[in-house]
Amino acid sequence: MPRQPEHPDLDDVRLDRLFFALGDRARLRILSVLCDRAEHSREEFDVAVGPSTLSHHMKILREAGLTRHRYEGTHCRISLRTDTLARFPAALNGALEALAAEQYDEA
């Protein structure tokens, strides 16, 4: 079984890293999938990037403290970190709401 990935402690999550992670459209699309608060496997993200680029985006989100990654056999399950959302509710909920509104406008 693969070793579980490291996640920053909530006290180490910094606003500048969160905003950096939110500053890319592919990562915003990943977060929009995770907004339902359920766990998802890596294959469920419809992001027009290659596998290594997707891994890079996932790593940035995890290291920023936005996502939690958990291995289940050979599959990686990914979810939003609710503790981070609770610590920075205005910043994160505002960004996610803006993303949802933008996607609605495009439809």
C-alpha atoms as a PDB file:
ATOM      1  CA  MET A   1       0.000   0.000   0.000  1.00  0.00           C
ATOM      2  CA  PRO A   2       1.399   3.444  -0.873  1.00  0.00           C
ATOM      3  CA  ARG A   3       2.403   5.781   1.893  1.00  0.00           C
ATOM      4  CA  GLN A   4      -0.242   8.396   2.657  1.00  0.00           C
ATOM      5  CA  PRO A   5       0.658  11.872   1.356  1.00  0.00           C
ATOM      6  CA  GLU A   6       1.693  14.589   3.795  1.00  0.00           C
ATOM      7  CA  HIS A   7      -0.688  17.463   4.463  1.00  0.00           C
ATOM      8  CA  PRO A   8       0.167  20.735   6.187  1.00  0.00           C
ATOM      9  CA  ASP A   9      -1.135  21.236   9.705  1.00  0.00           C
ATOM     10  CA  LEU A  10      -3.966  23.723   9.793  1.00  0.00           C
ATOM     11  CA  ASP A  11      -1.740  26.157  11.715  1.00  0.00           C
ATOM     12  CA  ASP A  12       0.730  26.071   8.792  1.00  0.00           C
ATOM     13  CA  VAL A  13      -1.875  26.875   6.109  1.00  0.00           C
ATOM     14  CA  ARG A  14      -1.162  30.384   4.842  1.00  0.00           C
ATOM     15  CA  LEU A  15      -3.429  32.724   2.930  1.00  0.00           C
ATOM     16  CA  ASP A  16      -0.745  33.561   0.336  1.00  0.00           C
ATOM     17  CA  ARG A  17      -0.426  29.876  -0.605  1.00  0.00           C
ATOM     18  CA  LEU A  18      -4.196  29.531  -0.825  1.00  0.00           C
ATOM     19  CA  PHE A  19      -4.451  32.457  -3.225  1.00  0.00           C
ATOM     20  CA  PHE A  20      -1.553  31.106  -5.305  1.00  0.00           C
ATOM     21  CA  ALA A  21      -3.351  27.761  -5.564  1.00  0.00           C
ATOM     22  CA  LEU A  22      -6.584  29.520  -6.523  1.00  0.00           C
ATOM     23  CA  GLY A  23      -4.794  31.492  -9.245  1.00  0.00           C
ATOM     24  CA  ASP A  24      -4.949  28.786 -11.920  1.00  0.00           C
ATOM     25  CA  ARG A  25      -8.027  27.831 -13.956  1.00  0.00           C
ATOM     26  CA  ALA A  26      -7.215  24.111 -13.942  1.00  0.00           C
ATOM     27  CA  ARG A  27      -6.967  24.089 -10.146  1.00  0.00           C
ATOM     28  CA  LEU A  28     -10.210  26.050  -9.905  1.00  0.00           C
ATOM     29  CA  ARG A  29     -11.904  23.413 -12.080  1.00  0.00           C
ATOM     30  CA  ILE A  30     -10.560  20.704  -9.765  1.00  0.00           C
ATOM     31  CA  LEU A  31     -11.974  22.563  -6.758  1.00  0.00           C
ATOM     32  CA  SER A  32     -15.342  23.010  -8.470  1.00  0.00           C
ATOM     33  CA  VAL A  33     -15.638  19.214  -8.726  1.00  0.00           C
ATOM     34  CA  LEU A  34     -14.791  18.906  -5.037  1.00  0.00           C
ATOM     35  CA  CYS A  35     -17.409  21.460  -3.932  1.00  0.00           C
ATOM     36  CA  ASP A  36     -19.937  18.725  -3.250  1.00  0.00           C
ATOM     37  CA  ARG A  37     -17.742  17.795  -0.250  1.00  0.00           C
ATOM     38  CA  ALA A  38     -17.485  14.155  -1.375  1.00  0.00           C
ATOM     39  CA  GLU A  39     -14.300  12.264  -2.089  1.00  0.00           C
ATOM     40  CA  HIS A  40     -13.360  11.824  -5.722  1.00  0.00           C
ATOM     41  CA  SER A  41     -10.782   9.716  -7.495  1.00  0.00           C
ATOM     42  CA  ARG A  42      -8.185  11.372  -9.701  1.00  0.00           C
ATOM     43  CA  GLU A  43      -9.904  10.015 -12.824  1.00  0.00           C
ATOM     44  CA  GLU A  44     -13.050  12.060 -12.127  1.00  0.00           C
ATOM     45  CA  PHE A  45     -11.492  15.445 -12.908  1.00  0.00           C
ATOM     46  CA  ASP A  46     -12.214  16.775 -16.378  1.00  0.00           C
ATOM     47  CA  VAL A  47      -9.207  19.042 -16.756  1.00  0.00           C
ATOM     48  CA  ALA A  48      -7.613  19.403 -20.186  1.00  0.00           C
ATOM     49  CA  VAL A  49      -4.071  18.643 -19.010  1.00  0.00           C
ATOM     50  CA  GLY A  50      -1.818  15.600 -19.130  1.00  0.00           C
ATOM     51  CA  PRO A  51      -1.431  13.205 -16.197  1.00  0.00           C
ATOM     52  CA  SER A  52       1.826  14.709 -14.919  1.00  0.00           C
ATOM     53  CA  THR A  53       0.390  18.250 -15.064  1.00  0.00           C
ATOM     54  CA  LEU A  54      -2.711  17.057 -13.205  1.00  0.00           C
ATOM     55  CA  SER A  55      -0.429  15.552 -10.540  1.00  0.00           C
ATOM     56  CA  HIS A  56       1.388  18.874 -10.272  1.00  0.00           C
ATOM     57  CA  HIS A  57      -1.894  20.759  -9.768  1.00  0.00           C
ATOM     58  CA  MET A  58      -3.035  18.214  -7.186  1.00  0.00           C
ATOM     59  CA  LYS A  59       0.241  18.630  -5.290  1.00  0.00           C
ATOM     60  CA  ILE A  60      -0.135  22.433  -5.210  1.00  0.00           C
ATOM     61  CA  LEU A  61      -3.687  22.122  -3.876  1.00  0.00           C
ATOM     62  CA  ARG A  62      -2.609  19.595  -1.229  1.00  0.00           C
ATOM     63  CA  GLU A  63       0.439  21.590  -0.120  1.00  0.00           C
ATOM     64  CA  ALA A  64      -1.651  24.779   0.071  1.00  0.00           C
ATOM     65  CA  GLY A  65      -3.978  22.976   2.476  1.00  0.00           C
ATOM     66  CA  LEU A  66      -7.017  22.988   0.199  1.00  0.00           C
ATOM     67  CA  THR A  67      -7.341  19.257  -0.416  1.00  0.00           C
ATOM     68  CA  ARG A  68      -6.882  16.022   1.464  1.00  0.00           C
ATOM     69  CA  HIS A  69      -5.498  13.019  -0.428  1.00  0.00           C
ATOM     70  CA  ARG A  70      -5.953   9.467   0.809  1.00  0.00           C
ATOM     71  CA  TYR A  71      -4.769   6.299  -0.851  1.00  0.00           C
ATOM     72  CA  GLU A  72      -7.194   3.428  -1.043  1.00  0.00           C
ATOM     73  CA  GLY A  73      -5.255   0.577  -2.577  1.00  0.00           C
ATOM     74  CA  THR A  74      -3.782   1.994  -5.776  1.00  0.00           C
ATOM     75  CA  HIS A  75      -6.399   4.760  -6.049  1.00  0.00           C
ATOM     76  CA  CYS A  76      -5.995   8.232  -4.607  1.00  0.00           C
ATOM     77  CA  ARG A  77      -9.182   9.685  -3.114  1.00  0.00           C
ATOM     78  CA  ILE A  78      -9.314  13.493  -2.970  1.00  0.00           C
ATOM     79  CA  SER A  79     -11.587  15.813  -0.991  1.00  0.00           C
ATOM     80  CA  LEU A  80     -11.737  19.434   0.134  1.00  0.00           C
ATOM     81  CA  ARG A  81     -10.292  20.166   3.551  1.00  0.00           C
ATOM     82  CA  THR A  82     -13.253  21.406   5.543  1.00  0.00           C
ATOM     83  CA  ASP A  83     -10.941  22.612   8.335  1.00  0.00           C
ATOM     84  CA  THR A  84      -9.244  25.008   5.908  1.00  0.00           C
ATOM     85  CA  LEU A  85     -12.611  26.187   4.572  1.00  0.00           C
ATOM     86  CA  ALA A  86     -13.713  26.879   8.148  1.00  0.00           C
ATOM     87  CA  ARG A  87     -10.511  28.832   8.916  1.00  0.00           C
ATOM     88  CA  PHE A  88     -10.727  31.037   5.802  1.00  0.00           C
ATOM     89  CA  PRO A  89     -14.464  31.056   4.993  1.00  0.00           C
ATOM     90  CA  ALA A  90     -14.683  34.468   3.318  1.00  0.00           C
ATOM     91  CA  ALA A  91     -11.721  33.940   1.011  1.00  0.00           C
ATOM     92  CA  LEU A  92     -12.444  30.381  -0.049  1.00  0.00           C
ATOM     93  CA  ASN A  93     -16.215  30.430  -0.193  1.00  0.00           C
ATOM     94  CA  GLY A  94     -16.063  33.697  -2.144  1.00  0.00           C
ATOM     95  CA  ALA A  95     -13.645  32.210  -4.677  1.00  0.00           C
ATOM     96  CA  LEU A  96     -15.704  29.042  -5.056  1.00  0.00           C
ATOM     97  CA  GLU A  97     -18.960  31.004  -5.418  1.00  0.00           C
ATOM     98  CA  ALA A  98     -17.364  33.243  -8.055  1.00  0.00           C
ATOM     99  CA  LEU A  99     -16.187  30.162  -9.933  1.00  0.00           C
ATOM    100  CA  ALA A 100     -19.678  28.632  -9.835  1.00  0.00           C
ATOM    101  CA  ALA A 101     -21.218  31.880 -11.103  1.00  0.00           C
ATOM    102  CA  GLU A 102     -18.635  32.117 -13.885  1.00  0.00           C
ATOM    103  CA  GLN A 103     -19.351  28.560 -15.002  1.00  0.00           C
ATOM    104  CA  TYR A 104     -23.082  29.253 -14.929  1.00  0.00           C
ATOM    105  CA  ASP A 105     -22.589  32.333 -17.123  1.00  0.00           C
ATOM    106  CA  GLU A 106     -20.620  30.268 -19.665  1.00  0.00           C
ATOM    107  CA  ALA A 107     -23.387  27.649 -19.965  1.00  0.00           C
END
